Protein backbone atom coordinates (compact mmCIF):
# COMPACT_ATOMS: atom_id res chain seq x y z
CA UNK A 1 -44.19 13.15 -23.35
CA UNK A 2 -43.87 10.66 -26.18
CA UNK A 3 -44.40 6.97 -25.47
CA UNK A 4 -41.94 4.71 -27.24
CA UNK A 5 -43.10 1.40 -28.73
CA UNK A 6 -40.86 -0.50 -26.32
CA UNK A 7 -42.42 1.36 -23.38
CA UNK A 8 -45.88 0.44 -24.59
CA UNK A 9 -44.75 -3.19 -24.92
CA UNK A 10 -43.37 -3.15 -21.36
CA UNK A 11 -46.59 -1.61 -20.06
CA UNK A 12 -48.74 -4.25 -21.79
CA UNK A 13 -46.50 -7.12 -20.60
CA UNK A 14 -46.53 -5.74 -17.05
CA UNK A 15 -50.32 -5.38 -17.06
CA UNK A 16 -50.72 -8.96 -18.34
CA UNK A 17 -48.28 -10.24 -15.70
CA UNK A 18 -50.10 -8.35 -12.94
CA UNK A 19 -53.44 -9.66 -14.21
CA UNK A 20 -52.13 -13.24 -14.08
CA UNK A 21 -50.67 -12.52 -10.65
CA UNK A 22 -53.96 -11.27 -9.20
CA UNK A 23 -56.36 -13.57 -11.03
CA UNK A 24 -54.44 -16.84 -10.93
CA UNK A 25 -51.37 -16.99 -8.69
CA UNK A 26 -52.70 -15.05 -5.71
CA UNK A 27 -56.01 -16.91 -5.82
CA UNK A 28 -54.14 -20.22 -5.68
CA UNK A 29 -51.85 -18.98 -2.90
CA UNK A 30 -54.76 -17.56 -0.93
CA UNK A 31 -56.68 -20.83 -1.04
CA UNK A 32 -53.66 -22.99 -0.21
CA UNK A 33 -52.10 -20.75 2.42
CA UNK A 34 -55.30 -19.17 3.75
CA UNK A 35 -54.34 -15.52 3.57
CA UNK A 36 -55.43 -12.39 1.76
CA UNK A 37 -53.16 -11.66 -1.20
CA UNK A 38 -53.25 -7.95 -0.41
CA UNK A 39 -52.01 -8.52 3.14
CA UNK A 40 -48.66 -10.19 2.42
CA UNK A 41 -46.12 -10.63 -0.31
CA UNK A 42 -46.68 -13.36 -2.88
CA UNK A 43 -44.47 -16.42 -2.82
CA UNK A 44 -44.08 -16.18 -6.61
CA UNK A 45 -44.36 -12.69 -8.08
CA UNK A 46 -44.21 -13.10 -11.88
CA UNK A 47 -44.26 -9.33 -12.65
CA UNK A 48 -40.85 -8.98 -11.02
CA UNK A 49 -39.35 -11.17 -13.74
CA UNK A 50 -40.83 -8.88 -16.40
CA UNK A 51 -39.51 -5.82 -14.55
CA UNK A 52 -35.98 -7.25 -14.32
CA UNK A 53 -35.86 -8.14 -18.03
CA UNK A 54 -37.30 -4.74 -18.99
CA UNK A 55 -34.66 -2.85 -17.01
CA UNK A 56 -31.83 -4.96 -18.44
CA UNK A 57 -33.01 -4.42 -22.02
CA UNK A 58 -34.43 -0.88 -21.79
CA UNK A 59 -32.76 0.87 -18.88
CA UNK A 60 -34.49 3.93 -17.48
CA UNK A 61 -37.14 3.94 -20.22
CA UNK A 62 -38.67 0.89 -18.47
CA UNK A 63 -39.31 2.82 -15.25
CA UNK A 64 -42.35 4.81 -16.43
CA UNK A 65 -44.24 1.73 -17.72
CA UNK A 66 -43.39 -0.15 -14.52
CA UNK A 67 -44.74 2.74 -12.44
CA UNK A 68 -47.88 3.04 -14.60
CA UNK A 69 -48.62 -0.69 -14.57
CA UNK A 70 -48.60 -0.78 -10.77
CA UNK A 71 -50.65 2.42 -10.53
CA UNK A 72 -53.26 1.16 -13.03
CA UNK A 73 -53.49 -2.24 -11.38
CA UNK A 74 -53.86 -0.82 -7.87
CA UNK A 75 -56.60 1.53 -9.03
CA UNK A 76 -58.34 -1.32 -10.89
CA UNK A 77 -58.45 -3.49 -7.75
CA UNK A 78 -59.93 -0.66 -5.73
CA UNK A 79 -56.95 0.79 -3.89
CA UNK A 80 -56.61 4.55 -3.44
CA UNK A 81 -54.65 6.82 -5.76
CA UNK A 82 -52.13 7.37 -2.98
CA UNK A 83 -51.62 3.62 -2.55
CA UNK A 84 -51.20 3.24 -6.32
CA UNK A 85 -48.64 6.03 -6.53
CA UNK A 86 -46.69 4.56 -3.59
CA UNK A 87 -46.82 1.10 -5.14
CA UNK A 88 -45.64 2.37 -8.53
CA UNK A 89 -42.91 4.50 -6.99
CA UNK A 90 -41.68 1.60 -4.85
CA UNK A 91 -41.53 -0.70 -7.89
CA UNK A 92 -39.65 1.89 -9.95
CA UNK A 93 -37.26 2.69 -7.10
CA UNK A 94 -36.52 -1.00 -6.56
CA UNK A 95 -35.60 -1.30 -10.25
CA UNK A 96 -33.53 1.89 -10.55
CA UNK A 97 -31.11 0.86 -7.77
CA UNK A 98 -29.58 -2.14 -9.60
CA UNK A 99 -29.63 -0.21 -12.89
CA UNK A 100 -27.55 2.63 -11.46
CA UNK A 101 -25.31 0.33 -9.41
CA UNK A 102 -24.43 -2.07 -12.25
CA UNK A 103 -23.93 0.79 -14.71
CA UNK A 104 -21.65 2.49 -12.18
CA UNK A 105 -19.59 -0.68 -11.81
CA UNK A 106 -19.45 -1.01 -15.62
CA UNK A 107 -18.34 2.63 -16.08
CA UNK A 108 -21.45 3.46 -18.11
CA UNK A 109 -23.96 6.31 -17.76
CA UNK A 110 -26.31 5.62 -14.86
CA UNK A 111 -29.59 5.07 -16.69
CA UNK A 112 -28.63 3.31 -19.95
CA UNK A 113 -29.84 -0.24 -20.64
CA UNK A 114 -27.59 -2.83 -19.06
CA UNK A 115 -27.58 -4.96 -22.21
CA UNK A 116 -25.66 -2.36 -24.24
CA UNK A 117 -22.05 -1.29 -24.07
CA UNK A 118 -19.24 -3.17 -22.41
CA UNK A 119 -21.15 -6.13 -21.02
CA UNK A 120 -19.38 -8.75 -23.10
CA UNK A 121 -18.36 -10.64 -19.96
CA UNK A 122 -21.93 -10.77 -18.66
CA UNK A 123 -24.71 -12.83 -20.18
CA UNK A 124 -28.22 -11.41 -20.36
CA UNK A 125 -29.37 -14.31 -18.16
CA UNK A 126 -26.88 -13.35 -15.43
CA UNK A 127 -27.73 -9.67 -15.70
CA UNK A 128 -31.43 -10.44 -15.21
CA UNK A 129 -30.65 -12.63 -12.18
CA UNK A 130 -28.43 -9.95 -10.60
CA UNK A 131 -30.94 -7.16 -11.30
CA UNK A 132 -33.69 -9.39 -9.92
CA UNK A 133 -31.73 -10.12 -6.74
CA UNK A 134 -30.66 -6.54 -6.02
CA UNK A 135 -34.12 -5.14 -6.75
CA UNK A 136 -35.70 -7.91 -4.64
CA UNK A 137 -33.63 -6.80 -1.66
CA UNK A 138 -34.67 -3.17 -2.18
CA UNK A 139 -38.29 -4.19 -2.76
CA UNK A 140 -38.22 -6.35 0.38
CA UNK A 141 -36.87 -3.48 2.47
CA UNK A 142 -39.57 -1.14 1.14
CA UNK A 143 -42.25 -3.80 1.72
CA UNK A 144 -41.04 -4.42 5.25
CA UNK A 145 -41.24 -0.72 6.05
CA UNK A 146 -44.71 -0.43 4.47
CA UNK A 147 -46.34 -3.61 5.79
CA UNK A 148 -44.37 -4.97 8.72
CA UNK A 149 -46.10 -5.09 12.07
CA UNK A 150 -43.04 -6.01 14.13
CA UNK A 151 -39.25 -5.94 13.78
CA UNK A 152 -39.21 -9.74 13.54
CA UNK A 153 -41.72 -9.90 10.70
CA UNK A 154 -40.60 -11.90 7.67
CA UNK A 155 -42.14 -9.58 5.07
CA UNK A 156 -38.75 -8.73 3.52
CA UNK A 157 -37.89 -12.41 3.14
CA UNK A 158 -41.30 -13.13 1.57
CA UNK A 159 -40.74 -10.32 -0.93
CA UNK A 160 -37.26 -11.62 -1.79
CA UNK A 161 -38.43 -15.21 -2.27
CA UNK A 162 -41.48 -14.20 -4.30
CA UNK A 163 -39.55 -11.79 -6.50
CA UNK A 164 -36.71 -14.24 -7.19
CA UNK A 165 -39.10 -17.10 -7.96
CA UNK A 166 -40.88 -14.74 -10.35
CA UNK A 167 -37.58 -13.96 -12.11
CA UNK A 168 -36.66 -17.65 -12.36
CA UNK A 169 -40.09 -18.67 -13.68
CA UNK A 170 -40.11 -15.96 -16.36
CA UNK A 171 -36.55 -16.84 -17.43
CA UNK A 172 -37.42 -20.55 -17.60
CA UNK A 173 -40.53 -19.79 -19.69
CA UNK A 174 -38.41 -17.73 -22.08
CA UNK A 175 -35.79 -20.50 -22.34
CA UNK A 176 -38.48 -23.10 -23.08
CA UNK A 177 -40.05 -20.82 -25.69
CA UNK A 178 -36.65 -20.18 -27.27
CA UNK A 179 -35.86 -23.90 -27.47
CA UNK A 180 -39.28 -24.68 -28.97
CA UNK A 181 -38.93 -21.94 -31.55
CA UNK A 182 -35.45 -23.16 -32.46
CA UNK A 183 -36.74 -26.72 -32.84
CA UNK A 184 -39.60 -25.53 -35.06
CA UNK A 185 -37.11 -23.51 -37.12
CA UNK A 186 -34.90 -26.58 -37.63
CA UNK A 187 -37.88 -28.64 -38.80
CA UNK A 188 -38.89 -25.94 -41.27
CA UNK A 189 -35.36 -25.58 -42.67
């Protein structure tokens, strides 16, 4: 199996996002909300924004790095190989559903990147939001099945909120970076 440069980039970005998630965001959430970050879904899951952008731009080739990033991270924090494989598979499954669904609706092959082909009526921003929302619902359903202790548990809602806030934060950071780079470019011209 040959690793493409874009897959390596996705893997590195996912690992950085997961590192920030575990070392910064979950520590802040745990201290403010007094819970263990491994016990519940985060209220702002930054890696989901990276996953959504990766699937929009790379299609199915983003699934392997997404799986590997979750597997590596889970093993690094001391979870079992089984837990890591389940985590990686759940993340990849949550991302493949919107990819296949949107490509089906666009009359494109199931696993091609969403940003190519006849998407002239859809902006990349909107595609990322839609992929983020659909995959958040799938991810929430998987999380509720894996971690819920009662039928009335709000795990699925926590996953949805955390994933969507992660998508919005990553998109806002990219928009700010784009605007700053454009302003620097204008000054240099």
